[in-house]
N, C-alpha and C. Protein backbone atom coordinates (compact mmCIF):
# COMPACT_ATOMS: atom_id res chain seq x y z
N MET A 1 -7.04 -51.31 31.87
CA MET A 1 -8.54 -50.87 32.24
C MET A 1 -8.66 -52.26 33.20
N GLY A 2 -8.56 -51.68 34.88
CA GLY A 2 -9.49 -52.05 35.34
C GLY A 2 -10.99 -51.64 36.27
N LEU A 3 -11.46 -52.75 36.87
CA LEU A 3 -12.40 -52.37 37.14
C LEU A 3 -13.29 -51.16 38.06
N TRP A 4 -12.59 -49.97 38.76
CA TRP A 4 -12.76 -48.86 39.10
C TRP A 4 -13.55 -48.33 37.63
N THR A 5 -12.22 -47.97 36.45
CA THR A 5 -12.88 -47.42 35.49
C THR A 5 -13.92 -47.70 34.73
N LEU A 6 -13.52 -49.41 34.78
CA LEU A 6 -15.14 -50.28 33.87
C LEU A 6 -16.47 -49.24 34.77
N LEU A 7 -16.08 -49.39 36.23
CA LEU A 7 -17.91 -48.32 36.67
C LEU A 7 -17.23 -47.50 36.75
N GLU A 8 -16.57 -46.70 36.68
CA GLU A 8 -16.79 -44.93 36.49
C GLU A 8 -17.91 -44.82 34.82
N GLY A 9 -18.21 -46.19 33.89
CA GLY A 9 -18.15 -45.77 32.46
C GLY A 9 -18.93 -45.80 32.55
N LEU A 10 -19.67 -47.08 33.24
CA LEU A 10 -21.04 -48.40 33.15
C LEU A 10 -21.60 -46.50 34.18
N LEU A 11 -21.16 -46.10 35.14
CA LEU A 11 -21.74 -44.24 35.39
C LEU A 11 -21.97 -42.91 34.01
N LEU A 12 -21.07 -42.96 33.79
CA LEU A 12 -21.02 -42.35 32.83
C LEU A 12 -22.49 -42.80 32.24
N LEU A 13 -22.54 -43.88 31.06
CA LEU A 13 -23.68 -44.58 31.03
C LEU A 13 -24.95 -44.07 30.92
N ALA A 14 -24.42 -44.17 31.92
CA ALA A 14 -25.98 -44.32 33.37
C ALA A 14 -26.63 -42.33 33.37
N ASN A 15 -25.25 -42.22 33.41
CA ASN A 15 -25.92 -40.52 33.26
C ASN A 15 -26.51 -40.10 32.37
N ALA A 16 -25.77 -40.10 31.69
CA ALA A 16 -26.46 -39.88 29.58
C ALA A 16 -27.94 -40.25 29.27
N LEU A 17 -28.02 -41.56 29.74
CA LEU A 17 -29.48 -42.65 29.43
C LEU A 17 -30.15 -41.66 29.90
N ALA A 18 -29.94 -41.36 32.05
CA ALA A 18 -30.65 -40.50 32.73
C ALA A 18 -31.12 -39.10 31.51
N ILE A 19 -30.67 -38.30 31.45
CA ILE A 19 -31.06 -37.11 30.79
C ILE A 19 -31.69 -37.00 29.38
N LEU A 20 -32.30 -37.49 28.69
CA LEU A 20 -32.83 -37.96 28.00
C LEU A 20 -34.19 -37.39 28.59
N ASN A 21 -34.45 -36.46 27.81
CA ASN A 21 -35.80 -35.61 27.13
C ASN A 21 -36.55 -36.66 26.57
N GLU A 22 -38.07 -36.98 27.28
CA GLU A 22 -38.59 -37.65 26.11
C GLU A 22 -39.33 -36.47 25.66
N GLU A 23 -39.58 -35.65 25.31
CA GLU A 23 -40.63 -35.04 24.39
C GLU A 23 -39.27 -34.26 23.14
N ARG A 24 -38.10 -33.90 23.87
CA ARG A 24 -37.41 -33.34 23.17
C ARG A 24 -36.46 -34.37 22.44
N PHE A 25 -36.98 -35.40 23.06
CA PHE A 25 -35.32 -35.94 22.38
C PHE A 25 -36.39 -37.69 21.06
N LEU A 26 -36.69 -38.33 22.55
CA LEU A 26 -36.53 -39.61 22.43
C LEU A 26 -38.13 -40.50 21.65
N ALA A 27 -39.32 -39.24 21.52
CA ALA A 27 -40.75 -38.88 21.19
C ALA A 27 -40.55 -39.21 19.99
N PRO A 28 -39.43 -38.10 19.25
CA PRO A 28 -39.37 -37.35 17.60
C PRO A 28 -38.43 -38.80 16.94
N ARG A 29 -37.92 -39.24 17.48
CA ARG A 29 -37.08 -41.21 16.51
C ARG A 29 -38.11 -41.82 17.39
N GLY A 30 -39.02 -41.77 17.54
CA GLY A 30 -40.32 -43.07 18.06
C GLY A 30 -39.85 -44.38 19.09
N TRP A 31 -38.98 -43.38 20.02
CA TRP A 31 -38.11 -44.20 21.11
C TRP A 31 -38.48 -43.73 22.35
N SER A 32 -40.35 -43.25 22.44
CA SER A 32 -41.05 -43.28 23.24
C SER A 32 -41.34 -44.55 24.49
N PHE A 33 -41.87 -44.34 25.89
CA PHE A 33 -42.77 -45.44 26.11
C PHE A 33 -44.37 -46.09 26.05
N ALA A 34 -44.88 -45.20 25.53
CA ALA A 34 -45.97 -45.04 24.38
C ALA A 34 -46.55 -45.69 23.37
N GLU A 35 -45.22 -45.60 22.90
CA GLU A 35 -45.26 -46.11 21.13
C GLU A 35 -44.53 -47.80 20.94
N VAL A 36 -43.84 -48.13 22.43
CA VAL A 36 -43.43 -49.72 22.59
C VAL A 36 -45.52 -51.02 23.42
N PRO A 37 -45.53 -51.42 21.61
CA PRO A 37 -47.15 -52.21 22.29
C PRO A 37 -46.48 -52.58 23.40
N PRO A 38 -47.48 -54.11 24.09
CA PRO A 38 -47.00 -54.08 24.81
C PRO A 38 -47.13 -55.29 24.96
N GLY A 39 -46.81 -56.46 22.97
CA GLY A 39 -45.98 -57.27 22.96
C GLY A 39 -45.23 -57.38 22.79
N THR A 40 -45.03 -56.56 21.89
CA THR A 40 -43.02 -56.07 21.86
C THR A 40 -42.20 -56.06 23.19
N ALA A 41 -43.14 -56.48 24.83
CA ALA A 41 -41.84 -55.82 25.39
C ALA A 41 -41.14 -56.33 25.45
N LYS A 42 -40.22 -57.84 24.47
CA LYS A 42 -39.39 -58.45 25.25
C LYS A 42 -38.27 -58.13 23.28
N SER A 43 -38.45 -56.98 22.70
CA SER A 43 -37.76 -57.36 22.27
C SER A 43 -36.61 -55.81 21.60
N LEU A 44 -35.13 -56.14 22.00
CA LEU A 44 -34.27 -55.13 21.96
C LEU A 44 -34.80 -53.73 22.03
N LYS A 45 -35.91 -53.23 20.96
CA LYS A 45 -35.92 -51.93 21.63
C LYS A 45 -36.88 -50.99 22.44
N GLY A 46 -37.67 -52.35 22.93
CA GLY A 46 -38.48 -52.21 23.98
C GLY A 46 -38.28 -52.56 25.12
N GLN A 47 -36.84 -53.80 25.59
CA GLN A 47 -35.78 -53.82 26.00
C GLN A 47 -34.56 -52.06 26.33
N LEU A 48 -34.83 -51.97 25.28
CA LEU A 48 -33.84 -50.06 25.57
C LEU A 48 -34.31 -49.78 25.86
N ILE A 49 -35.59 -49.40 25.90
CA ILE A 49 -36.51 -48.10 26.09
C ILE A 49 -36.69 -48.48 27.74
N GLY A 50 -36.99 -49.36 28.60
CA GLY A 50 -36.92 -49.77 29.34
C GLY A 50 -35.82 -49.39 30.01
N LEU A 51 -34.81 -49.95 29.88
CA LEU A 51 -33.06 -49.32 30.37
C LEU A 51 -33.68 -48.08 30.69
N ILE A 52 -33.98 -47.14 29.70
CA ILE A 52 -33.44 -45.86 29.98
C ILE A 52 -34.88 -45.40 30.71
N TYR A 53 -35.61 -45.49 30.68
CA TYR A 53 -37.11 -45.08 31.86
C TYR A 53 -36.77 -45.06 33.27
N ALA A 54 -36.16 -46.80 33.88
CA ALA A 54 -35.48 -47.22 34.79
C ALA A 54 -34.28 -46.11 35.33
N THR A 55 -34.32 -45.95 34.14
CA THR A 55 -32.28 -45.03 34.94
C THR A 55 -33.02 -43.72 34.58
N GLN A 56 -34.21 -43.64 34.09
CA GLN A 56 -34.70 -41.97 34.81
C GLN A 56 -35.42 -41.79 35.88
N TYR A 57 -35.62 -43.41 35.61
CA TYR A 57 -36.40 -43.49 37.22
C TYR A 57 -35.76 -42.86 38.68
N LEU A 58 -34.61 -44.18 38.63
CA LEU A 58 -33.69 -44.29 39.92
C LEU A 58 -32.59 -42.94 39.48
N ARG A 59 -32.90 -41.84 39.74
CA ARG A 59 -32.35 -39.87 39.65
C ARG A 59 -31.59 -39.89 40.52
N LEU A 60 -32.06 -40.13 41.66
CA LEU A 60 -31.52 -39.99 43.47
C LEU A 60 -30.11 -40.71 42.97
N PRO A 61 -30.40 -41.95 42.93
CA PRO A 61 -29.22 -43.20 43.08
C PRO A 61 -28.44 -43.17 42.59
N LEU A 62 -28.20 -42.40 41.14
CA LEU A 62 -27.51 -42.20 39.83
C LEU A 62 -26.73 -40.26 40.69
N ILE A 63 -27.19 -40.05 40.91
CA ILE A 63 -27.04 -38.70 41.85
C ILE A 63 -25.81 -38.98 43.72
N LEU A 64 -26.50 -39.79 44.24
CA LEU A 64 -25.70 -40.88 45.22
C LEU A 64 -24.79 -40.83 44.36
N LEU A 65 -24.21 -42.09 43.56
CA LEU A 65 -22.93 -42.85 43.34
C LEU A 65 -21.89 -41.94 42.33
N ASN A 66 -22.94 -41.00 42.17
CA ASN A 66 -21.90 -39.32 41.16
C ASN A 66 -21.44 -38.80 42.49
N ALA A 67 -21.77 -38.84 43.40
CA ALA A 67 -21.53 -37.82 44.75
C ALA A 67 -19.82 -38.46 44.98
N ILE A 68 -20.47 -40.59 45.07
CA ILE A 68 -19.71 -40.63 46.36
C ILE A 68 -18.18 -41.65 45.00
N THR A 69 -19.11 -40.99 43.98
CA THR A 69 -17.40 -40.71 42.35
C THR A 69 -16.65 -40.02 43.05
N ILE A 70 -16.92 -38.63 43.16
CA ILE A 70 -16.16 -37.64 42.88
C ILE A 70 -15.30 -37.44 44.17
N VAL A 71 -15.99 -37.51 45.16
CA VAL A 71 -15.52 -37.62 46.47
C VAL A 71 -14.19 -38.63 46.88
N VAL A 72 -14.34 -40.19 45.74
CA VAL A 72 -13.59 -41.14 45.69
C VAL A 72 -12.56 -40.57 44.90
N LYS A 73 -12.16 -39.56 43.70
CA LYS A 73 -11.25 -38.97 43.45
C LYS A 73 -10.90 -38.36 43.46
N LEU A 74 -11.95 -37.97 44.42
CA LEU A 74 -10.79 -36.24 44.99
C LEU A 74 -9.81 -36.96 46.60
N VAL A 75 -10.83 -37.77 46.68
CA VAL A 75 -9.51 -38.53 48.48
C VAL A 75 -8.07 -38.80 47.43
N SER A 76 -8.58 -39.96 45.78
CA SER A 76 -7.73 -40.65 45.67
C SER A 76 -6.18 -40.03 44.81
N GLY A 77 -6.77 -39.29 44.66
CA GLY A 77 -5.97 -38.62 44.59
C GLY A 77 -5.97 -38.70 41.78
């Protein structure tokens, strides 16, 4: 496994986190941002919820990274 494959895997994971819908998927399972009390933001669950919201906030850079990845894959074969 090379570095490029690892980066593609991380990009796919970021894409998966970015498309999660809060109302339909996260809130019914107790993973909404509103359900994390301010004092427990350092817990694992609080950090994962923060990661999900960060990837949803950075959708435009994800779109650009996806486009660059597609172009590189088309050129390199």
